[in-house]
Amino acid sequence: MALRAQDKDEIRILVVDDVEVNLIILEEIIKNMGYQPILAQSVKEALTILEEAEFLPQLVLSDISMPNIDGYAFCSTLKKNPYTKDIPVIFISAMDSSDDLSKGFSLGAVDYIPKPFDKTEVEMRISTHLKIYSMQKDLEENNRRLSVVVASQMEKLRLEQKNIITALARLIENKENNNGSHYINVLHNSRILAQGMQLSPKFEDRITDDFIDTIESSSGLHDIGKLMIPDAILLKNTALNEEERKIMCTHAELGARTLIDIYKNGEKNDFIDMAIDIAWYHHECWDGSGYPKGLKGEEIPLSARIVKVVDVFDAMISERRYKKPIPLDEELAYMEKKAGTEFDPEIIRVLLRIYRNFSGLPND
């Protein structure tokens, strides 16, 4: 790939004209200005020069009326090529009607130098467009650098926001079961289950590597709404009564709306979008009997269906202040029985094949 030279004595100007005397005149003017002329007597020769050049020219002077391929076609070719489209093109021609000029400008030319040449005019137009070209390149480079800085700062901000929210999620997990193992298990097992599903024809087109990375992070926020549940209910050592259960069930919508409020004036991203879906819908059931909206089947976001399975699996197999752990074989039998009612049956099929890779298993 050709490089763009920066020093004045490395600035190259390509001149294309089938009349040799015109090339000689322009070559002398360009040399006297301190630049390097590159000469071509046909468009075909000019295109070959561009293709083989180590450095792109910073400016092209092209005659319009030439045999085989004219200057208009040459300019059009340059502008269609991403590699050469930014090189300014100045037409040099005795054709000076308004139609000729309009056509040239419509094809992307930046200026027109009439024949016969006036040395001062040629120098002025070359200097002007080289300065404009240089400023455009400087602006593009500054914009590129600014974009890198902004992107880096935005990523840093997103990471800081993510870390804060994740810390809150871990806080509620630690509050509920002391060591926060449920949080760690949900993160790990969501990834393992999604990876297993990626190998299934049913899900291979929907679960990408990015999806897997995102659900591993987002799944940890599934119960963030429990921060708004009173401790008397959240930390109760016995089963909840009906009224308490209704209050506990509000944690799904409370968590989702909290995440929405946090990011309502910020830039959305895959992490927070998926986290909102998971927080809101990870208690929905395949048959529509879940909460908070009673979604059914494919209406439930795939990420929420995955986390529901992982969440229930770990909750059943783990000890809680209000219950003893359920034996693994009993748990697997329960989840298989509930496939098609509580759980997505295809996800349960994958689970039964790969659950041994989960963290949190007995003696794990």
Protein backbone atom coordinates (compact mmCIF):
# COMPACT_ATOMS: atom_id res chain seq x y z
CA MET A 1 0.00 0.00 0.00
CA ALA A 2 1.33 3.41 -0.95
CA LEU A 3 2.21 5.92 1.75
CA ARG A 4 1.53 9.63 1.89
CA ALA A 5 4.67 11.69 2.06
CA GLN A 6 4.73 14.76 4.32
CA ASP A 7 7.84 16.83 3.48
CA LYS A 8 7.61 19.40 0.66
CA ASP A 9 10.34 17.78 -1.43
CA GLU A 10 8.45 14.48 -1.18
CA ILE A 11 5.17 15.90 -2.41
CA ARG A 12 4.31 14.30 -5.73
CA ILE A 13 2.05 15.79 -8.39
CA LEU A 14 0.82 13.50 -11.15
CA VAL A 15 0.38 15.22 -14.52
CA VAL A 16 -1.59 13.43 -17.24
CA ASP A 17 -1.61 14.90 -20.76
CA ASP A 18 -1.12 13.34 -24.19
CA VAL A 19 0.66 16.47 -25.47
CA GLU A 20 4.35 16.30 -24.59
CA VAL A 21 4.94 20.07 -24.60
CA ASN A 22 2.26 20.52 -21.92
CA LEU A 23 3.99 17.92 -19.78
CA ILE A 24 7.33 19.74 -20.18
CA ILE A 25 5.84 23.11 -19.17
CA LEU A 26 4.04 21.74 -16.11
CA GLU A 27 7.04 19.64 -15.12
CA GLU A 28 9.23 22.76 -15.02
CA ILE A 29 6.67 24.75 -12.99
CA ILE A 30 6.27 21.94 -10.47
CA LYS A 31 10.01 21.44 -10.08
CA ASN A 32 10.54 25.18 -9.50
CA MET A 33 7.93 25.03 -6.74
CA GLY A 34 10.00 22.37 -4.99
CA TYR A 35 7.69 19.45 -5.70
CA GLN A 36 8.19 16.20 -7.61
CA PRO A 37 6.35 15.90 -10.94
CA ILE A 38 5.21 12.48 -12.15
CA LEU A 39 4.38 12.46 -15.86
CA ALA A 40 1.99 10.27 -17.84
CA GLN A 41 0.94 10.64 -21.49
CA SER A 42 -2.23 8.56 -21.12
CA VAL A 43 -4.76 7.57 -18.52
CA LYS A 44 -3.67 3.95 -18.82
CA GLU A 45 -0.09 4.93 -17.99
CA ALA A 46 -1.30 7.10 -15.09
CA LEU A 47 -3.32 4.25 -13.58
CA THR A 48 -0.31 1.96 -13.82
CA ILE A 49 1.82 4.56 -12.04
CA LEU A 50 -0.74 4.86 -9.26
CA GLU A 51 -0.99 1.11 -8.87
CA GLU A 52 2.77 0.61 -8.63
CA ALA A 53 3.71 3.78 -6.72
CA GLU A 54 5.24 3.55 -3.27
CA PHE A 55 3.73 6.95 -2.43
CA LEU A 56 0.41 8.33 -3.59
CA PRO A 57 0.53 11.74 -5.27
CA GLN A 58 -0.95 14.60 -3.29
CA LEU A 59 -2.43 16.18 -6.42
CA VAL A 60 -3.44 15.18 -9.96
CA LEU A 61 -3.43 17.52 -12.95
CA SER A 62 -5.28 15.91 -15.83
CA ASP A 63 -6.11 16.96 -19.36
CA ILE A 64 -9.71 16.33 -20.39
CA SER A 65 -9.44 15.55 -24.09
CA MET A 66 -7.22 12.49 -24.52
CA PRO A 67 -7.44 9.45 -26.82
CA ASN A 68 -8.97 6.12 -25.62
CA ILE A 69 -9.76 7.22 -22.05
CA ASP A 70 -10.49 10.89 -21.42
CA GLY A 71 -9.93 12.97 -18.30
CA TYR A 72 -13.55 12.68 -17.18
CA ALA A 73 -13.36 8.88 -17.11
CA PHE A 74 -9.99 9.07 -15.33
CA CYS A 75 -11.38 11.36 -12.63
CA SER A 76 -14.42 9.12 -12.18
CA THR A 77 -12.16 6.08 -11.79
CA LEU A 78 -10.08 7.80 -9.13
CA LYS A 79 -13.13 8.87 -7.15
CA LYS A 80 -14.66 5.38 -7.18
CA ASN A 81 -11.51 3.83 -5.75
CA PRO A 82 -11.32 4.13 -1.92
CA TYR A 83 -7.55 4.18 -2.22
CA THR A 84 -7.40 7.26 -4.50
CA LYS A 85 -10.75 8.98 -3.95
CA ASP A 86 -9.31 11.70 -1.69
CA ILE A 87 -6.62 12.88 -4.11
CA PRO A 88 -7.66 16.30 -5.47
CA VAL A 89 -8.01 16.43 -9.26
CA ILE A 90 -7.51 19.64 -11.26
CA PHE A 91 -8.46 19.58 -14.92
CA ILE A 92 -6.11 21.28 -17.43
CA SER A 93 -7.82 21.96 -20.73
CA ALA A 94 -8.73 24.45 -23.42
CA MET A 95 -12.33 23.28 -22.94
CA ASP A 96 -13.82 26.06 -20.86
CA SER A 97 -17.58 26.08 -21.49
CA SER A 98 -19.89 26.04 -18.49
CA ASP A 99 -21.05 22.55 -19.42
CA ASP A 100 -17.46 21.29 -19.48
CA LEU A 101 -16.75 22.82 -16.09
CA SER A 102 -19.99 21.56 -14.56
CA LYS A 103 -19.33 18.03 -15.74
CA GLY A 104 -15.82 18.08 -14.32
CA PHE A 105 -16.94 19.35 -10.92
CA SER A 106 -19.81 16.85 -10.80
CA LEU A 107 -17.28 14.03 -11.21
CA GLY A 108 -15.26 15.25 -8.23
CA ALA A 109 -12.69 17.64 -9.69
CA VAL A 110 -11.72 20.53 -7.42
CA ASP A 111 -10.54 23.11 -9.95
CA TYR A 112 -9.79 23.94 -13.57
CA ILE A 113 -6.66 25.44 -15.17
CA PRO A 114 -7.15 26.77 -18.71
CA LYS A 115 -4.72 26.38 -21.58
CA PRO A 116 -2.43 28.04 -22.58
CA PHE A 117 -0.88 28.00 -19.13
CA ASP A 118 -0.19 31.10 -17.05
CA LYS A 119 2.69 30.25 -14.73
CA THR A 120 1.44 32.35 -11.83
CA GLU A 121 -2.07 30.92 -12.07
CA VAL A 122 -0.77 27.34 -12.19
CA GLU A 123 1.43 27.94 -9.14
CA MET A 124 -1.42 29.59 -7.23
CA ARG A 125 -3.91 26.81 -7.90
CA ILE A 126 -1.40 24.07 -7.10
CA SER A 127 -0.39 25.78 -3.82
CA THR A 128 -4.02 26.38 -2.81
CA HIS A 129 -5.15 22.79 -3.30
CA LEU A 130 -2.07 21.28 -1.73
CA LYS A 131 -2.74 23.38 1.37
CA ILE A 132 -6.39 22.34 1.42
CA TYR A 133 -5.42 18.71 0.93
CA SER A 134 -2.86 18.92 3.74
CA MET A 135 -5.39 20.53 6.08
CA GLN A 136 -7.95 17.86 5.25
CA LYS A 137 -5.45 15.12 6.03
CA ASP A 138 -4.46 16.83 9.28
CA LEU A 139 -8.13 17.15 10.22
CA GLU A 140 -8.79 13.50 9.42
CA GLU A 141 -5.82 12.43 11.53
CA ASN A 142 -6.88 14.68 14.40
CA ASN A 143 -10.42 13.29 14.17
CA ARG A 144 -9.05 9.75 14.14
CA ARG A 145 -6.96 10.42 17.23
CA LEU A 146 -9.90 12.13 18.92
CA SER A 147 -12.13 9.17 18.10
CA VAL A 148 -9.61 6.82 19.67
CA VAL A 149 -9.44 8.96 22.81
CA VAL A 150 -13.23 9.32 23.03
CA ALA A 151 -13.76 5.60 22.43
CA SER A 152 -11.20 4.81 25.12
CA GLN A 153 -12.85 7.18 27.60
CA MET A 154 -16.32 5.85 26.77
CA GLU A 155 -15.11 2.30 27.28
CA LYS A 156 -13.54 3.32 30.57
CA LEU A 157 -16.81 4.96 31.64
CA ARG A 158 -18.83 1.89 30.62
CA LEU A 159 -16.43 -0.33 32.55
CA GLU A 160 -16.69 1.87 35.63
CA GLN A 161 -20.50 1.83 35.42
CA LYS A 162 -20.44 -1.91 34.91
CA ASN A 163 -18.16 -2.39 37.91
CA ILE A 164 -20.41 -0.27 40.13
CA ILE A 165 -23.53 -2.15 39.12
CA THR A 166 -21.76 -5.48 39.45
CA ALA A 167 -20.61 -4.51 42.93
CA LEU A 168 -24.23 -3.83 43.86
CA ALA A 169 -25.25 -7.22 42.46
CA ARG A 170 -22.56 -8.96 44.50
CA LEU A 171 -23.67 -7.00 47.55
CA ILE A 172 -27.14 -8.49 47.40
CA GLU A 173 -25.73 -11.98 46.80
CA ASN A 174 -23.42 -11.67 49.79
CA LYS A 175 -26.31 -10.35 51.84
CA GLU A 176 -28.42 -13.37 51.00
CA ASN A 177 -25.94 -16.21 51.30
CA ASN A 178 -22.77 -14.71 52.83
CA ASN A 179 -20.15 -15.91 50.35
CA GLY A 180 -21.72 -14.73 47.08
CA SER A 181 -21.30 -18.18 45.52
CA HIS A 182 -24.62 -17.92 43.68
CA TYR A 183 -23.37 -14.84 41.81
CA ILE A 184 -20.15 -16.60 40.74
CA ASN A 185 -22.00 -19.77 39.75
CA VAL A 186 -24.56 -17.89 37.66
CA LEU A 187 -21.81 -16.08 35.75
CA HIS A 188 -19.82 -19.24 35.05
CA ASN A 189 -22.75 -21.53 34.37
CA SER A 190 -24.48 -19.04 32.04
CA ARG A 191 -21.37 -19.08 29.89
CA ILE A 192 -21.07 -22.88 29.97
CA LEU A 193 -24.73 -23.37 29.07
CA ALA A 194 -24.58 -20.80 26.25
CA GLN A 195 -21.46 -22.47 24.87
CA GLY A 196 -23.24 -25.81 24.88
CA MET A 197 -26.24 -24.29 23.12
CA GLN A 198 -23.96 -22.77 20.48
CA LEU A 199 -23.22 -26.32 19.32
CA SER A 200 -26.93 -27.09 18.88
CA PRO A 201 -28.48 -26.54 15.41
CA LYS A 202 -31.43 -24.91 17.20
CA PHE A 203 -29.28 -22.07 18.57
CA GLU A 204 -26.06 -21.94 16.54
CA ASP A 205 -27.21 -18.97 14.47
CA ARG A 206 -28.38 -17.00 17.52
CA ILE A 207 -25.60 -17.56 20.01
CA THR A 208 -22.39 -15.89 18.90
CA ASP A 209 -19.11 -15.57 20.75
CA ASP A 210 -20.11 -11.99 21.63
CA PHE A 211 -23.43 -13.25 23.02
CA ILE A 212 -21.55 -15.71 25.24
CA ASP A 213 -19.17 -13.04 26.54
CA THR A 214 -22.05 -10.66 27.21
CA ILE A 215 -24.28 -13.12 29.04
CA GLU A 216 -21.38 -14.10 31.28
CA SER A 217 -21.24 -10.48 32.49
CA SER A 218 -24.93 -9.54 32.33
CA SER A 219 -26.28 -12.61 34.09
CA GLY A 220 -24.79 -11.46 37.41
CA LEU A 221 -27.33 -8.61 37.51
CA HIS A 222 -30.38 -10.87 37.38
CA ASP A 223 -31.41 -10.21 41.01
CA ILE A 224 -30.26 -6.62 41.39
CA GLY A 225 -33.87 -5.63 42.10
CA LYS A 226 -33.64 -7.41 45.45
CA LEU A 227 -31.77 -4.36 46.73
CA MET A 228 -35.21 -2.71 46.91
CA ILE A 229 -36.85 -5.59 48.81
CA PRO A 230 -37.19 -5.07 52.59
CA ASP A 231 -34.71 -7.10 54.66
CA ALA A 232 -37.55 -8.58 56.68
CA ILE A 233 -38.67 -10.38 53.53
CA LEU A 234 -35.34 -10.86 51.77
CA LEU A 235 -33.61 -12.37 54.80
CA LYS A 236 -36.53 -14.31 56.23
CA ASN A 237 -35.49 -17.78 57.47
CA THR A 238 -38.81 -19.43 56.70
CA ALA A 239 -41.04 -19.69 53.64
CA LEU A 240 -42.71 -16.47 52.53
CA ASN A 241 -46.43 -15.98 52.91
CA GLU A 242 -48.57 -14.92 49.96
CA GLU A 243 -48.24 -11.19 50.59
CA GLU A 244 -44.50 -11.43 51.12
CA ARG A 245 -44.15 -13.49 47.97
CA LYS A 246 -45.96 -10.81 45.95
CA ILE A 247 -43.52 -8.21 47.25
CA MET A 248 -40.54 -10.47 46.48
CA CYS A 249 -41.79 -10.96 42.92
CA THR A 250 -41.54 -7.22 42.29
CA HIS A 251 -37.72 -7.51 42.31
CA ALA A 252 -37.71 -8.50 38.62
CA GLU A 253 -39.35 -5.31 37.38
CA LEU A 254 -37.64 -3.17 40.02
CA GLY A 255 -34.23 -4.43 38.87
CA ALA A 256 -34.96 -3.86 35.20
CA ARG A 257 -36.31 -0.36 35.75
CA THR A 258 -33.32 0.51 37.93
CA LEU A 259 -30.96 -0.48 35.12
CA ILE A 260 -33.07 1.47 32.62
CA ASP A 261 -32.96 4.58 34.82
CA ILE A 262 -29.21 4.32 35.26
CA TYR A 263 -28.62 4.23 31.52
CA LYS A 264 -31.54 6.33 30.22
CA ASN A 265 -29.27 9.29 29.41
CA GLY A 266 -26.24 7.21 28.49
CA GLU A 267 -25.12 5.24 25.50
CA LYS A 268 -26.78 1.83 25.35
CA ASN A 269 -24.62 -1.23 24.85
CA ASP A 270 -25.04 -4.99 24.56
CA PHE A 271 -24.13 -5.53 28.22
CA ILE A 272 -26.82 -3.29 29.68
CA ASP A 273 -29.47 -4.24 27.08
CA MET A 274 -29.04 -7.92 27.92
CA ALA A 275 -28.86 -7.20 31.66
CA ILE A 276 -32.23 -5.43 31.48
CA ASP A 277 -33.81 -8.37 29.63
CA ILE A 278 -32.39 -10.84 32.14
CA ALA A 279 -33.43 -8.84 35.22
CA TRP A 280 -36.93 -8.34 33.86
CA TYR A 281 -37.74 -11.77 32.46
CA HIS A 282 -35.66 -14.43 34.25
CA HIS A 283 -38.76 -15.53 36.20
CA GLU A 284 -40.95 -15.95 33.11
CA CYS A 285 -42.01 -19.53 32.29
CA TRP A 286 -42.11 -21.28 28.94
CA ASP A 287 -45.88 -21.91 29.28
CA GLY A 288 -46.67 -18.29 30.24
CA SER A 289 -47.24 -18.93 33.95
CA GLY A 290 -44.28 -16.87 35.15
CA TYR A 291 -43.91 -13.23 36.13
CA PRO A 292 -43.87 -10.23 35.85
CA LYS A 293 -45.52 -10.15 32.39
CA GLY A 294 -46.57 -13.73 31.75
CA LEU A 295 -44.52 -14.01 28.57
CA LYS A 296 -44.62 -17.34 26.78
CA GLY A 297 -42.16 -19.39 24.71
CA GLU A 298 -40.09 -17.38 22.24
CA GLU A 299 -41.57 -14.15 23.60
CA ILE A 300 -39.10 -14.52 26.47
CA PRO A 301 -35.64 -13.20 25.50
CA LEU A 302 -33.17 -16.03 24.96
CA SER A 303 -30.74 -14.61 27.52
CA ALA A 304 -33.46 -14.62 30.19
CA ARG A 305 -34.41 -18.23 29.36
CA ILE A 306 -30.79 -19.29 29.81
CA VAL A 307 -30.34 -17.47 33.11
CA LYS A 308 -33.66 -18.84 34.42
CA VAL A 309 -32.34 -22.37 33.98
CA VAL A 310 -28.96 -21.53 35.53
CA ASP A 311 -30.54 -19.56 38.39
CA VAL A 312 -32.98 -22.32 39.34
CA PHE A 313 -30.32 -25.01 38.99
CA ASP A 314 -27.95 -23.28 41.41
CA ALA A 315 -30.70 -22.22 43.83
CA MET A 316 -32.00 -25.78 44.12
CA ILE A 317 -28.62 -27.42 44.57
CA SER A 318 -27.43 -24.86 47.10
CA GLU A 319 -28.22 -24.44 50.77
CA ARG A 320 -30.26 -21.41 51.74
CA ARG A 321 -31.23 -20.05 55.15
CA TYR A 322 -34.74 -21.35 54.54
CA LYS A 323 -33.92 -24.72 52.92
CA LYS A 324 -31.45 -27.56 52.59
CA PRO A 325 -29.80 -28.35 49.22
CA ILE A 326 -31.73 -30.69 46.95
CA PRO A 327 -29.82 -33.79 45.77
CA LEU A 328 -28.49 -33.45 42.24
CA ASP A 329 -30.41 -36.42 40.82
CA GLU A 330 -33.67 -35.08 42.22
CA GLU A 331 -32.97 -31.64 40.82
CA LEU A 332 -32.19 -32.97 37.33
CA ALA A 333 -35.37 -35.04 37.38
CA TYR A 334 -37.37 -31.95 38.39
CA MET A 335 -35.90 -29.79 35.63
CA GLU A 336 -36.46 -32.49 33.02
CA LYS A 337 -40.06 -32.84 34.18
CA LYS A 338 -40.59 -29.06 33.96
CA ALA A 339 -39.14 -28.81 30.42
CA GLY A 340 -41.88 -27.36 28.23
CA THR A 341 -43.75 -25.78 31.12
CA GLU A 342 -41.35 -23.85 33.35
CA PHE A 343 -38.25 -24.10 31.14
CA ASP A 344 -37.41 -23.93 27.43
CA PRO A 345 -37.26 -27.65 26.56
CA GLU A 346 -34.38 -27.24 24.10
CA ILE A 347 -32.27 -25.52 26.76
CA ILE A 348 -32.99 -28.32 29.22
CA ARG A 349 -31.83 -30.87 26.63
CA VAL A 350 -28.50 -29.06 26.44
CA LEU A 351 -28.33 -28.70 30.22
CA LEU A 352 -28.69 -32.45 30.75
CA ARG A 353 -25.67 -33.01 28.50
CA ILE A 354 -23.31 -30.42 29.93
CA TYR A 355 -24.28 -29.77 33.57
CA ARG A 356 -21.21 -31.65 34.83
CA ASN A 357 -19.16 -28.64 33.68
CA PHE A 358 -21.11 -26.32 36.01
CA SER A 359 -19.62 -24.78 39.12
CA GLY A 360 -21.42 -25.21 42.44
CA LEU A 361 -22.01 -28.96 42.08
CA PRO A 362 -21.75 -31.13 45.23
CA ASN A 363 -18.07 -31.65 46.13
CA ASP A 364 -17.13 -29.14 43.38
